[in-house]
C-alpha cells in the first residue's frame, strides 16, 4: 500500500512524468533499432555476402550477435546530439523514425543491387 502511494506521488510530478516517458522512448528506440538492424543485416548477408564471397548462410540469432559486435566495435559518441532536459517529443519521434526507416531504405537499395549479382 505504501509503495503505490509513493509511486503515485512520484508520477504526479509532470516534469518527472515527461522524463520517464522520454527515457522509456529512448530505450524502446534502442531495442527496436537493434532488432530491425539485425534483420536488415541478415537479409543483406543473404543477398550480397553469400553470392559475392561464398560465405555460409547465417540465422537471425547469429545476425543479432554480429550486429551487437559491430555496434561495440564501431561505437561512436555523437557530440553534436547531446541528450538534455530540453529533448522534446518531436525530436524523440524524429530520431525513432530515422532509426526505423533508414535500415529499410538500405535494404531496398541492396535488394536492387542483389538483382544484378
N, C-alpha and C. Protein backbone atom coordinates (compact mmCIF):
# COMPACT_ATOMS: atom_id res chain seq x y z
N UNK A 1 0.83 -1.19 0.00
CA UNK A 1 0.00 0.00 0.00
C UNK A 1 0.87 1.26 0.00
N UNK A 2 1.93 1.26 0.82
CA UNK A 2 2.80 2.42 0.89
C UNK A 2 3.53 2.63 -0.44
N UNK A 3 3.92 1.52 -1.10
CA UNK A 3 4.64 1.62 -2.37
C UNK A 3 3.77 2.29 -3.43
N UNK A 4 2.50 1.91 -3.50
CA UNK A 4 1.62 2.51 -4.50
C UNK A 4 1.41 4.01 -4.23
N UNK A 5 1.37 4.40 -2.96
CA UNK A 5 1.26 5.82 -2.64
C UNK A 5 2.51 6.58 -3.06
N UNK A 6 3.67 5.97 -2.84
CA UNK A 6 4.93 6.61 -3.24
C UNK A 6 4.98 6.75 -4.75
N UNK A 7 4.63 5.67 -5.48
CA UNK A 7 4.64 5.72 -6.94
C UNK A 7 3.65 6.76 -7.46
N UNK A 8 2.51 6.86 -6.81
CA UNK A 8 1.51 7.84 -7.23
C UNK A 8 2.04 9.25 -7.02
N UNK A 9 2.73 9.49 -5.90
CA UNK A 9 3.29 10.81 -5.64
C UNK A 9 4.39 11.13 -6.65
N UNK A 10 5.20 10.12 -7.02
CA UNK A 10 6.27 10.36 -7.98
C UNK A 10 5.69 10.71 -9.34
N UNK A 11 4.69 9.98 -9.77
CA UNK A 11 4.15 10.20 -11.11
C UNK A 11 3.21 11.41 -11.18
N UNK A 12 2.90 12.03 -10.04
CA UNK A 12 2.10 13.26 -10.04
C UNK A 12 2.88 14.41 -10.64
N UNK A 13 4.19 14.41 -10.48
CA UNK A 13 5.03 15.48 -10.98
C UNK A 13 5.09 15.40 -12.51
N UNK A 14 4.65 16.45 -13.19
CA UNK A 14 4.56 16.48 -14.65
C UNK A 14 5.94 16.37 -15.31
N UNK A 15 6.91 17.09 -14.77
CA UNK A 15 8.25 17.07 -15.36
C UNK A 15 8.89 15.68 -15.22
N UNK A 16 8.70 15.05 -14.08
CA UNK A 16 9.24 13.71 -13.87
C UNK A 16 8.55 12.72 -14.79
N UNK A 17 7.25 12.87 -14.95
CA UNK A 17 6.50 12.01 -15.88
C UNK A 17 7.04 12.13 -17.29
N UNK A 18 7.29 13.36 -17.74
CA UNK A 18 7.83 13.58 -19.07
C UNK A 18 9.21 12.96 -19.22
N UNK A 19 10.02 13.08 -18.17
CA UNK A 19 11.37 12.50 -18.21
C UNK A 19 11.29 10.98 -18.30
N UNK A 20 10.39 10.37 -17.55
CA UNK A 20 10.24 8.91 -17.59
C UNK A 20 9.77 8.47 -18.97
N UNK A 21 8.86 9.21 -19.56
CA UNK A 21 8.37 8.87 -20.90
C UNK A 21 9.50 9.01 -21.92
N UNK A 22 10.31 10.06 -21.82
CA UNK A 22 11.42 10.27 -22.74
C UNK A 22 12.45 9.15 -22.62
N UNK A 23 12.80 8.80 -21.40
CA UNK A 23 13.78 7.73 -21.19
C UNK A 23 13.23 6.40 -21.70
N UNK A 24 11.97 6.13 -21.42
CA UNK A 24 11.35 4.90 -21.91
C UNK A 24 11.31 4.85 -23.43
N UNK A 25 11.04 5.98 -24.06
CA UNK A 25 11.00 6.04 -25.52
C UNK A 25 12.39 5.81 -26.10
N UNK A 26 13.40 6.39 -25.51
CA UNK A 26 14.77 6.20 -25.99
C UNK A 26 15.20 4.74 -25.85
N UNK A 27 14.87 4.12 -24.73
CA UNK A 27 15.20 2.70 -24.55
C UNK A 27 14.46 1.85 -25.57
N UNK A 28 13.19 2.16 -25.81
CA UNK A 28 12.41 1.43 -26.80
C UNK A 28 13.01 1.59 -28.20
N UNK A 29 13.39 2.82 -28.55
CA UNK A 29 14.01 3.08 -29.86
C UNK A 29 15.29 2.26 -29.99
N UNK A 30 16.09 2.21 -28.95
CA UNK A 30 17.35 1.47 -28.98
C UNK A 30 17.11 0.00 -29.26
N UNK A 31 16.19 -0.63 -28.54
CA UNK A 31 15.95 -2.06 -28.72
C UNK A 31 15.27 -2.37 -30.05
N UNK A 32 14.35 -1.55 -30.47
CA UNK A 32 13.70 -1.77 -31.77
C UNK A 32 14.73 -1.64 -32.89
N UNK A 33 15.60 -0.64 -32.79
CA UNK A 33 16.59 -0.45 -33.84
C UNK A 33 17.58 -1.61 -33.89
N UNK A 34 17.93 -2.20 -32.76
CA UNK A 34 18.83 -3.36 -32.76
C UNK A 34 18.18 -4.53 -33.49
N UNK A 35 16.92 -4.82 -33.20
CA UNK A 35 16.26 -5.96 -33.83
C UNK A 35 15.98 -5.71 -35.31
N UNK A 36 15.61 -4.49 -35.66
CA UNK A 36 15.37 -4.17 -37.07
C UNK A 36 16.67 -4.23 -37.85
N UNK A 37 17.73 -3.65 -37.30
CA UNK A 37 19.01 -3.64 -37.99
C UNK A 37 19.59 -5.04 -38.11
N UNK A 38 19.37 -5.91 -37.15
CA UNK A 38 19.88 -7.28 -37.29
C UNK A 38 19.10 -8.03 -38.37
N UNK A 39 17.81 -7.76 -38.52
CA UNK A 39 17.04 -8.35 -39.61
C UNK A 39 17.55 -7.85 -40.97
N UNK A 40 17.81 -6.55 -41.05
CA UNK A 40 18.35 -5.97 -42.28
C UNK A 40 19.72 -6.57 -42.58
N UNK A 41 20.55 -6.72 -41.55
CA UNK A 41 21.87 -7.32 -41.72
C UNK A 41 21.76 -8.75 -42.24
N UNK A 42 20.80 -9.51 -41.72
CA UNK A 42 20.58 -10.88 -42.17
C UNK A 42 20.22 -10.91 -43.65
N UNK A 43 19.32 -10.05 -44.07
CA UNK A 43 18.92 -10.00 -45.48
C UNK A 43 20.08 -9.56 -46.37
N UNK A 44 20.84 -8.55 -45.93
CA UNK A 44 21.98 -8.11 -46.72
C UNK A 44 23.02 -9.22 -46.84
N UNK A 45 23.19 -9.99 -45.78
CA UNK A 45 24.12 -11.11 -45.81
C UNK A 45 23.66 -12.13 -46.85
N UNK A 46 22.37 -12.43 -46.84
CA UNK A 46 21.85 -13.42 -47.79
C UNK A 46 21.90 -12.92 -49.22
N UNK A 47 21.67 -11.64 -49.43
CA UNK A 47 21.60 -11.11 -50.80
C UNK A 47 22.95 -10.72 -51.37
N UNK A 48 23.88 -10.26 -50.52
CA UNK A 48 25.14 -9.72 -51.03
C UNK A 48 26.34 -10.61 -50.67
N UNK A 49 26.52 -10.91 -49.41
CA UNK A 49 27.73 -11.59 -48.95
C UNK A 49 27.82 -13.02 -49.47
N UNK A 50 26.73 -13.77 -49.40
CA UNK A 50 26.76 -15.17 -49.85
C UNK A 50 27.07 -15.27 -51.34
N UNK A 51 26.37 -14.55 -52.23
CA UNK A 51 26.69 -14.68 -53.66
C UNK A 51 28.09 -14.17 -54.03
N UNK A 52 28.53 -13.09 -53.40
CA UNK A 52 29.79 -12.48 -53.80
C UNK A 52 31.00 -13.21 -53.19
N UNK A 53 30.95 -13.50 -51.89
CA UNK A 53 32.11 -14.08 -51.20
C UNK A 53 31.96 -15.57 -50.90
N UNK A 54 30.82 -16.15 -51.20
CA UNK A 54 30.54 -17.58 -50.98
C UNK A 54 30.71 -17.98 -49.51
N UNK A 55 30.26 -17.13 -48.61
CA UNK A 55 30.24 -17.46 -47.19
C UNK A 55 29.00 -18.30 -46.90
N UNK A 56 28.99 -18.89 -45.70
CA UNK A 56 27.82 -19.68 -45.30
C UNK A 56 26.67 -18.77 -44.89
N UNK A 57 25.47 -19.30 -44.97
CA UNK A 57 24.29 -18.57 -44.52
C UNK A 57 24.30 -18.49 -42.99
N UNK A 58 23.72 -17.42 -42.48
CA UNK A 58 23.59 -17.25 -41.03
C UNK A 58 22.12 -17.17 -40.67
N UNK A 59 21.81 -17.44 -39.41
CA UNK A 59 20.42 -17.31 -38.96
C UNK A 59 20.25 -15.98 -38.22
N UNK A 60 19.04 -15.73 -37.74
CA UNK A 60 18.72 -14.44 -37.13
C UNK A 60 19.53 -14.20 -35.85
N UNK A 61 19.71 -15.23 -35.05
CA UNK A 61 20.46 -15.08 -33.79
C UNK A 61 21.92 -14.73 -34.09
N UNK A 62 22.51 -15.38 -35.09
CA UNK A 62 23.88 -15.05 -35.46
C UNK A 62 23.97 -13.63 -36.01
N UNK A 63 22.95 -13.22 -36.75
CA UNK A 63 22.90 -11.86 -37.27
C UNK A 63 22.81 -10.85 -36.12
N UNK A 64 22.00 -11.16 -35.13
CA UNK A 64 21.87 -10.29 -33.96
C UNK A 64 23.21 -10.19 -33.23
N UNK A 65 23.90 -11.31 -33.07
CA UNK A 65 25.21 -11.31 -32.42
C UNK A 65 26.23 -10.49 -33.19
N UNK A 66 26.25 -10.66 -34.52
CA UNK A 66 27.17 -9.88 -35.34
C UNK A 66 26.86 -8.38 -35.26
N UNK A 67 25.58 -8.04 -35.23
CA UNK A 67 25.21 -6.63 -35.12
C UNK A 67 25.67 -6.04 -33.79
N UNK A 68 25.52 -6.80 -32.71
CA UNK A 68 25.96 -6.31 -31.41
C UNK A 68 27.48 -6.16 -31.36
N UNK A 69 28.20 -7.10 -31.99
CA UNK A 69 29.65 -6.99 -32.04
C UNK A 69 30.06 -5.75 -32.85
N UNK A 70 29.41 -5.55 -33.99
CA UNK A 70 29.73 -4.38 -34.81
C UNK A 70 29.39 -3.08 -34.09
N UNK A 71 28.28 -3.09 -33.36
CA UNK A 71 27.89 -1.89 -32.59
C UNK A 71 28.94 -1.60 -31.52
N UNK A 72 29.47 -2.66 -30.90
CA UNK A 72 30.50 -2.49 -29.89
C UNK A 72 31.80 -1.99 -30.52
N UNK A 73 32.19 -2.54 -31.66
CA UNK A 73 33.45 -2.18 -32.29
C UNK A 73 33.43 -0.77 -32.89
N UNK A 74 32.30 -0.37 -33.45
CA UNK A 74 32.23 0.90 -34.14
C UNK A 74 31.38 1.91 -33.40
N UNK A 75 31.32 1.80 -32.07
CA UNK A 75 30.56 2.73 -31.25
C UNK A 75 31.21 4.10 -31.32
N UNK A 76 30.41 5.11 -31.57
CA UNK A 76 30.93 6.47 -31.58
C UNK A 76 30.00 7.36 -30.78
N UNK A 77 30.58 8.33 -30.16
CA UNK A 77 29.81 9.27 -29.36
C UNK A 77 29.42 10.44 -30.26
N UNK A 78 28.14 10.76 -30.30
CA UNK A 78 27.67 11.88 -31.10
C UNK A 78 27.74 13.14 -30.24
N UNK A 79 28.75 13.94 -30.48
CA UNK A 79 28.92 15.14 -29.68
C UNK A 79 27.91 16.22 -30.04
N UNK A 80 27.51 16.27 -31.32
CA UNK A 80 26.58 17.31 -31.71
C UNK A 80 25.16 17.05 -31.26
N UNK A 81 24.83 15.83 -30.87
CA UNK A 81 23.48 15.49 -30.42
C UNK A 81 23.54 15.15 -28.94
N UNK A 82 23.51 16.13 -28.11
CA UNK A 82 23.54 15.90 -26.67
C UNK A 82 22.12 15.70 -26.17
N UNK A 83 21.95 14.71 -25.32
CA UNK A 83 20.63 14.49 -24.72
C UNK A 83 20.56 15.37 -23.47
N UNK A 84 19.65 16.30 -23.53
CA UNK A 84 19.49 17.24 -22.42
C UNK A 84 18.05 17.18 -21.94
N UNK A 85 17.76 17.98 -20.97
CA UNK A 85 16.39 18.05 -20.46
C UNK A 85 15.47 18.72 -21.46
N UNK A 86 16.03 19.42 -22.46
CA UNK A 86 15.22 20.12 -23.45
C UNK A 86 14.75 19.21 -24.59
N UNK A 87 15.10 17.94 -24.54
CA UNK A 87 14.70 17.00 -25.59
C UNK A 87 13.18 16.87 -25.57
N UNK A 88 12.55 17.26 -26.67
CA UNK A 88 11.10 17.20 -26.69
C UNK A 88 10.63 15.95 -27.44
N UNK A 89 9.36 15.72 -27.42
CA UNK A 89 8.79 14.51 -28.00
C UNK A 89 8.95 14.50 -29.52
N UNK A 90 8.91 15.66 -30.16
CA UNK A 90 9.06 15.72 -31.62
C UNK A 90 10.46 15.24 -32.04
N UNK A 91 11.50 15.69 -31.32
CA UNK A 91 12.86 15.24 -31.61
C UNK A 91 13.01 13.75 -31.36
N UNK A 92 12.38 13.27 -30.30
CA UNK A 92 12.44 11.84 -29.99
C UNK A 92 11.78 11.03 -31.08
N UNK A 93 10.64 11.48 -31.57
CA UNK A 93 9.95 10.75 -32.64
C UNK A 93 10.74 10.82 -33.94
N UNK A 94 11.38 11.96 -34.24
CA UNK A 94 12.21 12.06 -35.43
C UNK A 94 13.38 11.09 -35.36
N UNK A 95 13.98 10.98 -34.20
CA UNK A 95 15.08 10.03 -34.01
C UNK A 95 14.58 8.59 -34.17
N UNK A 96 13.41 8.32 -33.63
CA UNK A 96 12.82 6.99 -33.75
C UNK A 96 12.56 6.65 -35.22
N UNK A 97 11.98 7.59 -35.96
CA UNK A 97 11.70 7.34 -37.37
C UNK A 97 12.98 7.17 -38.18
N UNK A 98 14.00 7.94 -37.83
CA UNK A 98 15.29 7.80 -38.51
C UNK A 98 15.88 6.42 -38.27
N UNK A 99 15.84 5.96 -37.03
CA UNK A 99 16.37 4.64 -36.71
C UNK A 99 15.52 3.53 -37.31
N UNK A 100 14.26 3.78 -37.51
CA UNK A 100 13.37 2.75 -38.02
C UNK A 100 13.41 2.66 -39.54
N UNK A 101 13.43 3.79 -40.24
CA UNK A 101 13.29 3.75 -41.70
C UNK A 101 14.61 3.72 -42.46
N UNK A 102 15.69 4.24 -41.91
CA UNK A 102 16.95 4.25 -42.67
C UNK A 102 17.45 2.84 -43.00
N UNK A 103 17.35 1.85 -42.09
CA UNK A 103 17.77 0.50 -42.49
C UNK A 103 16.91 -0.08 -43.60
N UNK A 104 15.63 0.26 -43.63
CA UNK A 104 14.75 -0.27 -44.68
C UNK A 104 15.10 0.33 -46.03
N UNK A 105 15.53 1.58 -46.07
CA UNK A 105 15.98 2.18 -47.32
C UNK A 105 17.25 1.50 -47.81
N UNK A 106 18.15 1.20 -46.89
CA UNK A 106 19.37 0.47 -47.24
C UNK A 106 19.01 -0.92 -47.75
N UNK A 107 18.06 -1.57 -47.10
CA UNK A 107 17.63 -2.90 -47.52
C UNK A 107 17.08 -2.85 -48.95
N UNK A 108 16.26 -1.88 -49.25
CA UNK A 108 15.70 -1.75 -50.59
C UNK A 108 16.77 -1.53 -51.63
N UNK A 109 17.74 -0.67 -51.33
CA UNK A 109 18.83 -0.41 -52.27
C UNK A 109 19.66 -1.67 -52.51
N UNK A 110 19.95 -2.40 -51.44
CA UNK A 110 20.74 -3.63 -51.60
C UNK A 110 19.95 -4.73 -52.29
N UNK A 111 18.64 -4.75 -52.12
CA UNK A 111 17.83 -5.73 -52.84
C UNK A 111 17.92 -5.47 -54.34
N UNK A 112 17.88 -4.21 -54.72
CA UNK A 112 18.02 -3.87 -56.14
C UNK A 112 19.40 -4.29 -56.64
N UNK A 113 20.44 -4.04 -55.85
CA UNK A 113 21.79 -4.45 -56.22
C UNK A 113 21.87 -5.97 -56.36
N UNK A 114 21.21 -6.70 -55.43
CA UNK A 114 21.29 -8.16 -55.47
C UNK A 114 20.62 -8.74 -56.73
N UNK A 115 19.73 -8.01 -57.32
CA UNK A 115 19.09 -8.48 -58.57
C UNK A 115 20.09 -8.54 -59.71
N UNK A 116 21.14 -7.73 -59.63
CA UNK A 116 22.13 -7.68 -60.70
C UNK A 116 23.36 -8.54 -60.43
N UNK A 117 23.42 -9.20 -59.30
CA UNK A 117 24.57 -10.07 -58.99
C UNK A 117 24.35 -11.44 -59.58
